[in-house]
Structures are given as C-alpha cells and as structure tokens.
Amino acid sequence: MKITLLGTGNPAPSLKRMGPGYMVSVAGDVVLFDHGPGSHHRLLESGARATDVTHVFFSHLHYDHFVDFPRLLLTRWDHGAGKIPELNVYGPPPLGKMIDGLIGPDGVFEPDLQARMNWDASLHVYRARGGVEPRIGPRPNVTEIGKGDTVETTNWRVQVVEVPHAQPYLTCLALRLDSDSGSVVYSGDAGPSKALEKLAAGCDVLIHMCSHISGSVDNEATRTGTSGHIEAARTAAAAGARRLVASHIYDQFDRPGVREKVIAEMARIYDGVIVFGEDLMQLSAAPETPGVFR
C-alpha cells in the first residue's frame, strides 16, 4: 500500500497546499479519498492519470473536498475511450443527485457530452484512442453510504462511521481502508469523536484534520465540528494509531517556529510517529517500514 497526499490544505486559496485529496494505491486499485481544488493537478504531478483511478470515496460534500471531481470523471471517461471499467464512486447523500446534476440528461456538462459523443472531430479523436462507436456517456457506479456501512472488494475493505462536522446540513464521514498490506484511516473533516477513535483503533496511518491551533478559536460550532492539533493528537493516542498525519492545514502552522511548538505539544499526548502533511508526500502503511517515502 502506498499513500500519496495530493492535497493537504483547506478552502483558503494556496499555491503550497491544494484542497484535501488522498490517493491510496493498493492491490492493483487506485483509491481516492476526496478530490478538492488542485488535487487533480497534484495527481498528475505524482505520475498517476485519471484513467488509473478505480474508486473514489467522499467524506462529505463541502466544495473543498469535491470540486475537482468533475475534472477527474470527465477526463477519465474521455481518455478511457470506452476501454476501462466505469468509475466506482461512494459518499454520503446527496451524492447521486449531485453527480446527476453534472452528467445527467439536464446536467451541467450535458452539452459538452453531446458534442463529444456526436461531433465527428471528437469522434475522430475517440477512434484514434481505440474507441468503438456508438460512443456512450460516462455512467459511474454511484453508491451513497453512511455510518455502519462497509464496502468490500477481493483485496480490501472500507468501513464507514459518521463524525461531527457540519450536521445537519451535511453528512460527514470518516473512512478506514484495510488490506493485507496495512490500514489507513481518514478522518474527513471531524471534531472530537468516539466513533472515530474506535474506527482508527490500531491503524497503521491516521490522516487527521488539523485545521487550527487548539484553543485559538472562540466558537462552539468550530470546537465541536473541527479538530486542532491537540484534538488530533488525543484521537491518535486513544486509537493507538501507529502514525498520525496532520492535514487540512491552514497557513498559521507554516510560520517559523510554530510547527515545531505544535509538534512538541502533540508529542506530549501521542507517542507515535507524527507527520505534518505536505502535498505529494508519499507514505507506506506497512508495519515494517518507517512510514515516509519522501
């Protein structure tokens, strides 16, 4: 299992950190967790292609976790030329409605799709890529998921719990992928959560929201629905996670001296490996490796 951090940022525009997105390469599959703004560019920089992606899981449908998905979906369909299986997509409601609003009969991209399926210049490119007419539009396999659900393939399994964030407006999920080569848990955007601690029990890698310096936000909804560095450390400690990867990072953490102070405070709570995520960082979930490839 190889984990690539495609985007470690947040809704604030940044040239250093793209929106949340994580790629797990496991047993011949390429699985994405969220695909926020800029994540697709990072995917290309990592050496992967849209046509390599087999599964996408969404933690929730805030735009900073979803907005690059249309690019992935349409690029994969266009360059796949009808020769690769349909994309498998999972996430909380109203995922189906949102995707239908993109590529359905009255969707945003319906005029584009009609042109690519019928204009001979586009069909010429499609044929050159090995496609056979008639050209069919994208038909991803879309499954809405919620707490307690499990998604299984021959080689890996994803478990789902609900975590506190923007309810009741959005359903927000944490996800755990287990395989013979290790386990990775993605908190999504989450405040302190016993369900998340239980989901992450004994995992190899916990990718956890770390959106603010704990104690710096005077807002009850923020304290309930998001996590700062202390909350992330407490979750990792309670779960017994082997490695903690801080992500969904705001620029306050990137100031000189701040990150060092924050990590020292986290280490007083959690005695495992602490990694502050950076875009394009690669990690291993294998127990016998130190964890960071680069």
C-alpha atoms as a PDB file:
ATOM      1  CA  MET A   1       0.000   0.000   0.000  1.00  0.00           C
ATOM      2  CA  LYS A   2       1.270   3.438  -0.970  1.00  0.00           C
ATOM      3  CA  ILE A   3      -0.437   6.602   0.267  1.00  0.00           C
ATOM      4  CA  THR A   4       0.074   9.869  -1.625  1.00  0.00           C
ATOM      5  CA  LEU A   5      -1.091  13.154  -0.134  1.00  0.00           C
ATOM      6  CA  LEU A   6      -2.479  15.031  -3.130  1.00  0.00           C
ATOM      7  CA  GLY A   7      -3.825  17.979  -1.178  1.00  0.00           C
ATOM      8  CA  THR A   8      -3.232  18.892   2.465  1.00  0.00           C
ATOM      9  CA  GLY A   9      -4.923  22.272   2.517  1.00  0.00           C
ATOM     10  CA  ASN A  10      -8.342  23.782   3.139  1.00  0.00           C
ATOM     11  CA  PRO A  11     -10.801  26.174   1.456  1.00  0.00           C
ATOM     12  CA  ALA A  12      -8.332  29.089   1.616  1.00  0.00           C
ATOM     13  CA  PRO A  13      -6.559  29.519  -1.764  1.00  0.00           C
ATOM     14  CA  SER A  14      -2.917  28.448  -1.598  1.00  0.00           C
ATOM     15  CA  LEU A  15      -0.116  27.740  -4.031  1.00  0.00           C
ATOM     16  CA  LYS A  16       1.554  25.447  -1.484  1.00  0.00           C
ATOM     17  CA  ARG A  17      -1.359  23.295  -0.321  1.00  0.00           C
ATOM     18  CA  MET A  18      -4.119  22.098  -2.621  1.00  0.00           C
ATOM     19  CA  GLY A  19      -7.571  21.127  -1.370  1.00  0.00           C
ATOM     20  CA  PRO A  20      -8.000  17.843   0.516  1.00  0.00           C
ATOM     21  CA  GLY A  21      -7.256  14.733  -1.517  1.00  0.00           C
ATOM     22  CA  TYR A  22      -5.523  11.436  -0.750  1.00  0.00           C
ATOM     23  CA  MET A  23      -4.570   8.588  -3.080  1.00  0.00           C
ATOM     24  CA  VAL A  24      -4.126   5.008  -1.893  1.00  0.00           C
ATOM     25  CA  SER A  25      -2.573   2.521  -4.309  1.00  0.00           C
ATOM     26  CA  VAL A  26      -3.408  -0.977  -3.111  1.00  0.00           C
ATOM     27  CA  ALA A  27      -3.607  -4.412  -4.738  1.00  0.00           C
ATOM     28  CA  GLY A  28      -3.838  -3.029  -8.268  1.00  0.00           C
ATOM     29  CA  ASP A  29      -6.502  -0.433  -7.425  1.00  0.00           C
ATOM     30  CA  VAL A  30      -6.126   3.323  -7.124  1.00  0.00           C
ATOM     31  CA  VAL A  31      -8.490   4.682  -4.480  1.00  0.00           C
ATOM     32  CA  LEU A  32      -9.074   8.386  -3.867  1.00  0.00           C
ATOM     33  CA  PHE A  33     -10.385   9.884  -0.636  1.00  0.00           C
ATOM     34  CA  ASP A  34     -11.854  13.295  -1.557  1.00  0.00           C
ATOM     35  CA  HIS A  35     -10.757  15.376  -4.545  1.00  0.00           C
ATOM     36  CA  GLY A  36     -10.648  19.058  -3.634  1.00  0.00           C
ATOM     37  CA  PRO A  37      -9.410  22.031  -5.671  1.00  0.00           C
ATOM     38  CA  GLY A  38      -5.969  21.380  -7.112  1.00  0.00           C
ATOM     39  CA  SER A  39      -5.918  17.711  -6.123  1.00  0.00           C
ATOM     40  CA  HIS A  40      -6.190  16.612  -9.730  1.00  0.00           C
ATOM     41  CA  HIS A  41      -3.145  18.668 -10.690  1.00  0.00           C
ATOM     42  CA  ARG A  42      -1.234  17.003  -7.861  1.00  0.00           C
ATOM     43  CA  LEU A  43      -2.436  13.597  -9.085  1.00  0.00           C
ATOM     44  CA  LEU A  44      -0.807  14.333 -12.444  1.00  0.00           C
ATOM     45  CA  GLU A  45       2.354  15.568 -10.734  1.00  0.00           C
ATOM     46  CA  SER A  46       2.518  12.280  -8.817  1.00  0.00           C
ATOM     47  CA  GLY A  47       2.721  10.394 -12.125  1.00  0.00           C
ATOM     48  CA  ALA A  48      -0.800   8.995 -11.970  1.00  0.00           C
ATOM     49  CA  ARG A  49      -3.516   9.512 -14.596  1.00  0.00           C
ATOM     50  CA  ALA A  50      -7.267   9.862 -14.348  1.00  0.00           C
ATOM     51  CA  THR A  51      -7.606   6.529 -16.137  1.00  0.00           C
ATOM     52  CA  ASP A  52      -5.651   4.817 -13.326  1.00  0.00           C
ATOM     53  CA  VAL A  53      -8.277   5.710 -10.708  1.00  0.00           C
ATOM     54  CA  THR A  54     -10.701   2.890  -9.909  1.00  0.00           C
ATOM     55  CA  HIS A  55     -12.581   4.093  -6.801  1.00  0.00           C
ATOM     56  CA  VAL A  56     -13.426   7.444  -5.184  1.00  0.00           C
ATOM     57  CA  PHE A  57     -14.743   7.931  -1.644  1.00  0.00           C
ATOM     58  CA  PHE A  58     -16.073  11.275  -0.407  1.00  0.00           C
ATOM     59  CA  SER A  59     -16.060  12.104   3.281  1.00  0.00           C
ATOM     60  CA  HIS A  60     -18.579  14.905   2.756  1.00  0.00           C
ATOM     61  CA  LEU A  61     -19.706  17.312   0.095  1.00  0.00           C
ATOM     62  CA  HIS A  62     -18.159  20.633   1.080  1.00  0.00           C
ATOM     63  CA  TYR A  63     -16.798  22.102  -2.149  1.00  0.00           C
ATOM     64  CA  ASP A  64     -13.186  21.982  -0.957  1.00  0.00           C
ATOM     65  CA  HIS A  65     -13.464  18.180  -0.853  1.00  0.00           C
ATOM     66  CA  PHE A  66     -15.374  17.688  -4.123  1.00  0.00           C
ATOM     67  CA  VAL A  67     -14.723  20.387  -6.686  1.00  0.00           C
ATOM     68  CA  ASP A  68     -12.033  18.581  -8.762  1.00  0.00           C
ATOM     69  CA  PHE A  69     -14.235  15.504  -9.148  1.00  0.00           C
ATOM     70  CA  PRO A  70     -15.867  16.655 -12.419  1.00  0.00           C
ATOM     71  CA  ARG A  71     -12.415  17.010 -13.963  1.00  0.00           C
ATOM     72  CA  LEU A  72     -11.463  13.509 -12.841  1.00  0.00           C
ATOM     73  CA  LEU A  73     -14.724  11.979 -14.008  1.00  0.00           C
ATOM     74  CA  LEU A  74     -14.775  13.607 -17.444  1.00  0.00           C
ATOM     75  CA  THR A  75     -11.046  13.204 -18.148  1.00  0.00           C
ATOM     76  CA  ARG A  76     -11.197   9.528 -17.171  1.00  0.00           C
ATOM     77  CA  TRP A  77     -14.199   8.957 -19.424  1.00  0.00           C
ATOM     78  CA  ASP A  78     -12.732  10.905 -22.342  1.00  0.00           C
ATOM     79  CA  HIS A  79      -9.283   9.330 -22.290  1.00  0.00           C
ATOM     80  CA  GLY A  80     -10.560   5.878 -21.329  1.00  0.00           C
ATOM     81  CA  ALA A  81     -12.265   5.715 -24.745  1.00  0.00           C
ATOM     82  CA  GLY A  82     -14.753   3.123 -23.544  1.00  0.00           C
ATOM     83  CA  LYS A  83     -11.987   0.615 -22.789  1.00  0.00           C
ATOM     84  CA  ILE A  84     -11.850   0.817 -18.975  1.00  0.00           C
ATOM     85  CA  PRO A  85     -14.475  -0.082 -16.354  1.00  0.00           C
ATOM     86  CA  GLU A  86     -16.762   2.621 -15.053  1.00  0.00           C
ATOM     87  CA  LEU A  87     -15.578   4.580 -12.023  1.00  0.00           C
ATOM     88  CA  ASN A  88     -16.869   3.420  -8.621  1.00  0.00           C
ATOM     89  CA  VAL A  89     -17.948   6.397  -6.500  1.00  0.00           C
ATOM     90  CA  TYR A  90     -19.064   6.387  -2.847  1.00  0.00           C
ATOM     91  CA  GLY A  91     -20.149   9.121  -0.478  1.00  0.00           C
ATOM     92  CA  PRO A  92     -22.957  10.479   1.666  1.00  0.00           C
ATOM     93  CA  PRO A  93     -26.261  11.759   0.288  1.00  0.00           C
ATOM     94  CA  PRO A  94     -26.985  13.700  -1.863  1.00  0.00           C
ATOM     95  CA  LEU A  95     -24.049  12.315  -3.869  1.00  0.00           C
ATOM     96  CA  GLY A  96     -26.299  10.747  -6.503  1.00  0.00           C
ATOM     97  CA  LYS A  97     -28.207  13.968  -7.041  1.00  0.00           C
ATOM     98  CA  MET A  98     -25.002  15.973  -7.369  1.00  0.00           C
ATOM     99  CA  ILE A  99     -23.495  13.640  -9.974  1.00  0.00           C
ATOM    100  CA  ASP A 100     -26.774  13.561 -11.898  1.00  0.00           C
ATOM    101  CA  GLY A 101     -26.627  17.351 -11.852  1.00  0.00           C
ATOM    102  CA  LEU A 102     -23.235  17.124 -13.558  1.00  0.00           C
ATOM    103  CA  ILE A 103     -23.758  14.451 -16.223  1.00  0.00           C
ATOM    104  CA  GLY A 104     -27.470  13.610 -16.183  1.00  0.00           C
ATOM    105  CA  PRO A 105     -29.915  14.490 -19.012  1.00  0.00           C
ATOM    106  CA  ASP A 106     -30.171  18.092 -17.802  1.00  0.00           C
ATOM    107  CA  GLY A 107     -26.736  18.213 -16.204  1.00  0.00           C
ATOM    108  CA  VAL A 108     -24.190  20.991 -16.388  1.00  0.00           C
ATOM    109  CA  PHE A 109     -21.960  19.006 -18.750  1.00  0.00           C
ATOM    110  CA  GLU A 110     -24.706  17.573 -20.995  1.00  0.00           C
ATOM    111  CA  PRO A 111     -23.941  19.940 -23.921  1.00  0.00           C
ATOM    112  CA  ASP A 112     -20.243  19.063 -23.716  1.00  0.00           C
ATOM    113  CA  LEU A 113     -21.017  15.341 -23.611  1.00  0.00           C
ATOM    114  CA  GLN A 114     -23.393  15.555 -26.556  1.00  0.00           C
ATOM    115  CA  ALA A 115     -20.701  17.275 -28.610  1.00  0.00           C
ATOM    116  CA  ARG A 116     -18.073  14.680 -27.709  1.00  0.00           C
ATOM    117  CA  MET A 117     -20.435  11.798 -28.461  1.00  0.00           C
ATOM    118  CA  ASN A 118     -21.696  13.165 -31.807  1.00  0.00           C
ATOM    119  CA  TRP A 119     -19.328  15.734 -33.377  1.00  0.00           C
ATOM    120  CA  ASP A 120     -17.096  13.902 -35.818  1.00  0.00           C
ATOM    121  CA  ALA A 121     -13.950  15.806 -34.825  1.00  0.00           C
ATOM    122  CA  SER A 122     -14.369  14.490 -31.289  1.00  0.00           C
ATOM    123  CA  LEU A 123     -15.272  11.037 -32.568  1.00  0.00           C
ATOM    124  CA  HIS A 124     -12.118  11.068 -34.693  1.00  0.00           C
ATOM    125  CA  VAL A 125     -10.035  11.513 -31.508  1.00  0.00           C
ATOM    126  CA  TYR A 126     -12.127   8.847 -29.774  1.00  0.00           C
ATOM    127  CA  ARG A 127     -11.498   6.380 -32.616  1.00  0.00           C
ATOM    128  CA  ALA A 128      -7.782   7.205 -32.591  1.00  0.00           C
ATOM    129  CA  ARG A 129      -7.717   6.233 -28.902  1.00  0.00           C
ATOM    130  CA  GLY A 130      -9.212   2.861 -29.770  1.00  0.00           C
ATOM    131  CA  GLY A 131     -12.856   3.666 -29.080  1.00  0.00           C
ATOM    132  CA  VAL A 132     -15.666   1.956 -30.953  1.00  0.00           C
ATOM    133  CA  GLU A 133     -18.892   3.742 -31.891  1.00  0.00           C
ATOM    134  CA  PRO A 134     -21.537   4.444 -30.781  1.00  0.00           C
ATOM    135  CA  ARG A 135     -19.924   6.452 -28.025  1.00  0.00           C
ATOM    136  CA  ILE A 136     -21.663   6.169 -24.660  1.00  0.00           C
ATOM    137  CA  GLY A 137     -21.504   8.852 -21.974  1.00  0.00           C
ATOM    138  CA  PRO A 138     -19.996   8.304 -18.527  1.00  0.00           C
ATOM    139  CA  ARG A 139     -22.045   6.045 -16.266  1.00  0.00           C
ATOM    140  CA  PRO A 140     -20.182   5.845 -12.949  1.00  0.00           C
ATOM    141  CA  ASN A 141     -21.303   3.315 -10.374  1.00  0.00           C
ATOM    142  CA  VAL A 142     -22.574   5.635  -7.638  1.00  0.00           C
ATOM    143  CA  THR A 143     -23.330   4.323  -4.150  1.00  0.00           C
ATOM    144  CA  GLU A 144     -24.497   6.505  -1.282  1.00  0.00           C
ATOM    145  CA  ILE A 145     -23.035   5.365   2.042  1.00  0.00           C
ATOM    146  CA  GLY A 146     -23.466   6.202   5.706  1.00  0.00           C
ATOM    147  CA  LYS A 147     -22.489   5.177   9.210  1.00  0.00           C
ATOM    148  CA  GLY A 148     -22.037   1.454   9.716  1.00  0.00           C
ATOM    149  CA  ASP A 149     -21.650   0.682   6.015  1.00  0.00           C
ATOM    150  CA  THR A 150     -18.827  -1.436   4.610  1.00  0.00           C
ATOM    151  CA  VAL A 151     -17.506  -1.557   1.052  1.00  0.00           C
ATOM    152  CA  GLU A 152     -15.534  -4.686   0.175  1.00  0.00           C
ATOM    153  CA  THR A 153     -13.525  -5.901  -2.783  1.00  0.00           C
ATOM    154  CA  THR A 154     -11.443  -9.051  -3.103  1.00  0.00           C
ATOM    155  CA  ASN A 155      -8.360  -7.281  -1.737  1.00  0.00           C
ATOM    156  CA  TRP A 156      -9.501  -4.503   0.593  1.00  0.00           C
ATOM    157  CA  ARG A 157     -12.355  -3.249   2.751  1.00  0.00           C
ATOM    158  CA  VAL A 158     -13.563   0.253   3.663  1.00  0.00           C
ATOM    159  CA  GLN A 159     -15.540   0.831   6.863  1.00  0.00           C
ATOM    160  CA  VAL A 160     -17.597   3.951   7.461  1.00  0.00           C
ATOM    161  CA  VAL A 161     -18.618   5.932  10.548  1.00  0.00           C
ATOM    162  CA  GLU A 162     -20.292   9.315  10.862  1.00  0.00           C
ATOM    163  CA  VAL A 163     -18.289  12.086  12.536  1.00  0.00           C
ATOM    164  CA  PRO A 164     -19.340  15.534  13.796  1.00  0.00           C
ATOM    165  CA  HIS A 165     -18.729  18.403  11.392  1.00  0.00           C
ATOM    166  CA  ALA A 166     -21.441  20.365   9.565  1.00  0.00           C
ATOM    167  CA  GLN A 167     -24.546  18.431  10.548  1.00  0.00           C
ATOM    168  CA  PRO A 168     -27.475  18.754   9.939  1.00  0.00           C
ATOM    169  CA  TYR A 169     -26.540  20.495   6.696  1.00  0.00           C
ATOM    170  CA  LEU A 170     -24.035  17.890   5.508  1.00  0.00           C
ATOM    171  CA  THR A 171     -23.494  14.269   6.474  1.00  0.00           C
ATOM    172  CA  CYS A 172     -19.808  13.823   7.286  1.00  0.00           C
ATOM    173  CA  LEU A 173     -17.973  10.505   7.290  1.00  0.00           C
ATOM    174  CA  ALA A 174     -14.657   9.016   8.394  1.00  0.00           C
ATOM    175  CA  LEU A 175     -13.300   6.096   6.397  1.00  0.00           C
ATOM    176  CA  ARG A 176     -10.987   3.176   7.155  1.00  0.00           C
ATOM    177  CA  LEU A 177      -9.311   1.074   4.452  1.00  0.00           C
ATOM    178  CA  ASP A 178      -7.858  -2.291   5.497  1.00  0.00           C
ATOM    179  CA  SER A 179      -5.847  -4.663   3.337  1.00  0.00           C
ATOM    180  CA  ASP A 180      -3.189  -7.310   3.750  1.00  0.00           C
ATOM    181  CA  SER A 181      -0.576  -4.574   3.312  1.00  0.00           C
ATOM    182  CA  GLY A 182      -1.825  -2.278   6.070  1.00  0.00           C
ATOM    183  CA  SER A 183      -4.568   0.079   7.182  1.00  0.00           C
ATOM    184  CA  VAL A 184      -5.247   3.770   6.699  1.00  0.00           C
ATOM    185  CA  VAL A 185      -7.942   5.868   8.360  1.00  0.00           C
ATOM    186  CA  TYR A 186      -9.094   9.216   7.003  1.00  0.00           C
ATOM    187  CA  SER A 187     -10.965  11.410   9.464  1.00  0.00           C
ATOM    188  CA  GLY A 188     -12.500  13.649   6.833  1.00  0.00           C
ATOM    189  CA  ASP A 189     -13.401  16.929   8.498  1.00  0.00           C
ATOM    190  CA  ALA A 190     -14.217  15.949  12.062  1.00  0.00           C
ATOM    191  CA  GLY A 191     -14.425  17.245  15.565  1.00  0.00           C
ATOM    192  CA  PRO A 192     -13.602  15.044  18.566  1.00  0.00           C
ATOM    193  CA  SER A 193     -15.374  11.716  18.071  1.00  0.00           C
ATOM    194  CA  LYS A 194     -15.516   8.435  19.981  1.00  0.00           C
ATOM    195  CA  ALA A 195     -16.725   6.759  16.784  1.00  0.00           C
ATOM    196  CA  LEU A 196     -13.557   7.918  15.018  1.00  0.00           C
ATOM    197  CA  GLU A 197     -11.362   6.681  17.867  1.00  0.00           C
ATOM    198  CA  LYS A 198     -12.989   3.261  17.621  1.00  0.00           C
ATOM    199  CA  LEU A 199     -12.707   3.181  13.826  1.00  0.00           C
ATOM    200  CA  ALA A 200      -8.992   4.083  13.983  1.00  0.00           C
ATOM    201  CA  ALA A 201      -8.105   1.525  16.687  1.00  0.00           C
ATOM    202  CA  GLY A 202      -4.669   0.064  15.951  1.00  0.00           C
ATOM    203  CA  CYS A 203      -4.446   1.525  12.432  1.00  0.00           C
ATOM    204  CA  ASP A 204      -1.116   1.981  10.686  1.00  0.00           C
ATOM    205  CA  VAL A 205      -1.781   5.510   9.406  1.00  0.00           C
ATOM    206  CA  LEU A 206      -4.335   8.044  10.657  1.00  0.00           C
ATOM    207  CA  ILE A 207      -4.798  11.057   8.375  1.00  0.00           C
ATOM    208  CA  HIS A 208      -6.487  13.578  10.632  1.00  0.00           C
ATOM    209  CA  MET A 209      -7.914  17.056  10.185  1.00  0.00           C
ATOM    210  CA  CYS A 210      -5.698  19.633  11.917  1.00  0.00           C
ATOM    211  CA  SER A 211      -7.296  22.908  10.931  1.00  0.00           C
ATOM    212  CA  HIS A 212      -6.316  25.256  13.751  1.00  0.00           C
ATOM    213  CA  ILE A 213      -4.101  25.708  16.777  1.00  0.00           C
ATOM    214  CA  SER A 214      -6.156  24.296  19.593  1.00  0.00           C
ATOM    215  CA  GLY A 215      -7.523  26.951  21.914  1.00  0.00           C
ATOM    216  CA  SER A 216      -7.285  29.705  19.312  1.00  0.00           C
ATOM    217  CA  VAL A 217     -10.916  29.561  18.150  1.00  0.00           C
ATOM    218  CA  ASP A 218     -13.701  31.083  20.238  1.00  0.00           C
ATOM    219  CA  ASN A 219     -16.675  29.414  18.567  1.00  0.00           C
ATOM    220  CA  GLU A 220     -18.585  26.424  19.904  1.00  0.00           C
ATOM    221  CA  ALA A 221     -19.572  25.051  16.487  1.00  0.00           C
ATOM    222  CA  THR A 222     -15.938  25.135  15.395  1.00  0.00           C
ATOM    223  CA  ARG A 223     -14.763  23.360  18.538  1.00  0.00           C
ATOM    224  CA  THR A 224     -17.447  20.683  18.101  1.00  0.00           C
ATOM    225  CA  GLY A 225     -17.131  20.149  14.364  1.00  0.00           C
ATOM    226  CA  THR A 226     -13.410  20.561  13.661  1.00  0.00           C
ATOM    227  CA  SER A 227     -10.121  19.471  15.202  1.00  0.00           C
ATOM    228  CA  GLY A 228      -6.985  21.359  16.100  1.00  0.00           C
ATOM    229  CA  HIS A 229      -3.593  19.868  16.838  1.00  0.00           C
ATOM    230  CA  ILE A 230      -4.404  18.780  20.400  1.00  0.00           C
ATOM    231  CA  GLU A 231      -7.641  17.074  19.359  1.00  0.00           C
ATOM    232  CA  ALA A 232      -5.851  15.219  16.559  1.00  0.00           C
ATOM    233  CA  ALA A 233      -3.160  14.024  18.986  1.00  0.00           C
ATOM    234  CA  ARG A 234      -5.755  12.893  21.507  1.00  0.00           C
ATOM    235  CA  THR A 235      -7.615  10.901  18.866  1.00  0.00           C
ATOM    236  CA  ALA A 236      -4.412   9.197  17.680  1.00  0.00           C
ATOM    237  CA  ALA A 237      -3.442   8.369  21.264  1.00  0.00           C
ATOM    238  CA  ALA A 238      -6.879   6.997  22.163  1.00  0.00           C
ATOM    239  CA  ALA A 239      -6.915   4.886  18.996  1.00  0.00           C
ATOM    240  CA  GLY A 240      -3.370   3.585  19.380  1.00  0.00           C
ATOM    241  CA  ALA A 241      -2.607   4.610  15.807  1.00  0.00           C
ATOM    242  CA  ARG A 242       0.967   3.875  14.695  1.00  0.00           C
ATOM    243  CA  ARG A 243       1.359   7.102  12.706  1.00  0.00           C
ATOM    244  CA  LEU A 244      -0.513  10.389  12.746  1.00  0.00           C
ATOM    245  CA  VAL A 245      -0.568  12.541   9.614  1.00  0.00           C
ATOM    246  CA  ALA A 246      -1.847  16.076  10.225  1.00  0.00           C
ATOM    247  CA  SER A 247      -3.687  17.543   7.256  1.00  0.00           C
ATOM    248  CA  HIS A 248      -6.341  20.130   6.247  1.00  0.00           C
ATOM    249  CA  ILE A 249      -3.721  22.625   7.395  1.00  0.00           C
ATOM    250  CA  TYR A 250      -4.042  26.414   7.481  1.00  0.00           C
ATOM    251  CA  ASP A 251      -1.072  28.731   6.967  1.00  0.00           C
ATOM    252  CA  GLN A 252      -0.760  29.552  10.684  1.00  0.00           C
ATOM    253  CA  PHE A 253       1.043  26.214  11.083  1.00  0.00           C
ATOM    254  CA  ASP A 254       3.598  27.043   8.396  1.00  0.00           C
ATOM    255  CA  ARG A 255       5.111  30.014  10.191  1.00  0.00           C
ATOM    256  CA  PRO A 256       8.683  29.672  11.528  1.00  0.00           C
ATOM    257  CA  GLY A 257       8.739  28.102  14.966  1.00  0.00           C
ATOM    258  CA  VAL A 258       5.009  27.417  15.129  1.00  0.00           C
ATOM    259  CA  ARG A 259       5.107  23.924  13.649  1.00  0.00           C
ATOM    260  CA  GLU A 260       7.936  22.868  15.978  1.00  0.00           C
ATOM    261  CA  LYS A 261       5.991  24.116  19.021  1.00  0.00           C
ATOM    262  CA  VAL A 262       2.812  22.386  17.858  1.00  0.00           C
ATOM    263  CA  ILE A 263       4.544  19.049  17.232  1.00  0.00           C
ATOM    264  CA  ALA A 264       6.181  19.198  20.664  1.00  0.00           C
ATOM    265  CA  GLU A 265       2.764  19.740  22.258  1.00  0.00           C
ATOM    266  CA  MET A 266       1.260  16.868  20.251  1.00  0.00           C
ATOM    267  CA  ALA A 267       4.132  14.573  21.257  1.00  0.00           C
ATOM    268  CA  ARG A 268       3.309  15.072  24.945  1.00  0.00           C
ATOM    269  CA  ILE A 269      -0.063  13.469  24.253  1.00  0.00           C
ATOM    270  CA  TYR A 270       0.709  10.959  21.492  1.00  0.00           C
ATOM    271  CA  ASP A 271       3.921   8.910  21.431  1.00  0.00           C
ATOM    272  CA  GLY A 272       3.653   7.543  17.881  1.00  0.00           C
ATOM    273  CA  VAL A 273       5.122   8.975  14.686  1.00  0.00           C
ATOM    274  CA  ILE A 274       3.833  12.490  13.910  1.00  0.00           C
ATOM    275  CA  VAL A 275       3.952  13.747  10.328  1.00  0.00           C
ATOM    276  CA  PHE A 276       2.832  17.187   9.187  1.00  0.00           C
ATOM    277  CA  GLY A 277       1.433  16.514   5.735  1.00  0.00           C
ATOM    278  CA  GLU A 278       2.806  18.164   2.614  1.00  0.00           C
ATOM    279  CA  ASP A 279       1.388  17.930  -0.885  1.00  0.00           C
ATOM    280  CA  LEU A 280       2.859  14.978  -2.838  1.00  0.00           C
ATOM    281  CA  MET A 281       4.296  13.360   0.289  1.00  0.00           C
ATOM    282  CA  GLN A 282       4.241   9.568  -0.043  1.00  0.00           C
ATOM    283  CA  LEU A 283       3.844   7.175   2.872  1.00  0.00           C
ATOM    284  CA  SER A 284       3.718   3.462   3.466  1.00  0.00           C
ATOM    285  CA  ALA A 285       1.226   1.686   5.711  1.00  0.00           C
ATOM    286  CA  ALA A 286       3.431  -1.388   6.029  1.00  0.00           C
ATOM    287  CA  PRO A 287       4.287  -2.071   9.701  1.00  0.00           C
ATOM    288  CA  GLU A 288       7.919  -2.896   8.957  1.00  0.00           C
ATOM    289  CA  THR A 289       8.708   0.440   7.270  1.00  0.00           C
ATOM    290  CA  PRO A 290       9.362   3.794   8.954  1.00  0.00           C
ATOM    291  CA  GLY A 291       6.459   5.308   7.081  1.00  0.00           C
ATOM    292  CA  VAL A 292       7.607   8.179   4.887  1.00  0.00           C
ATOM    293  CA  PHE A 293       8.890   7.504   1.376  1.00  0.00           C
ATOM    294  CA  ARG A 294       9.644  11.161   0.633  1.00  0.00           C
END
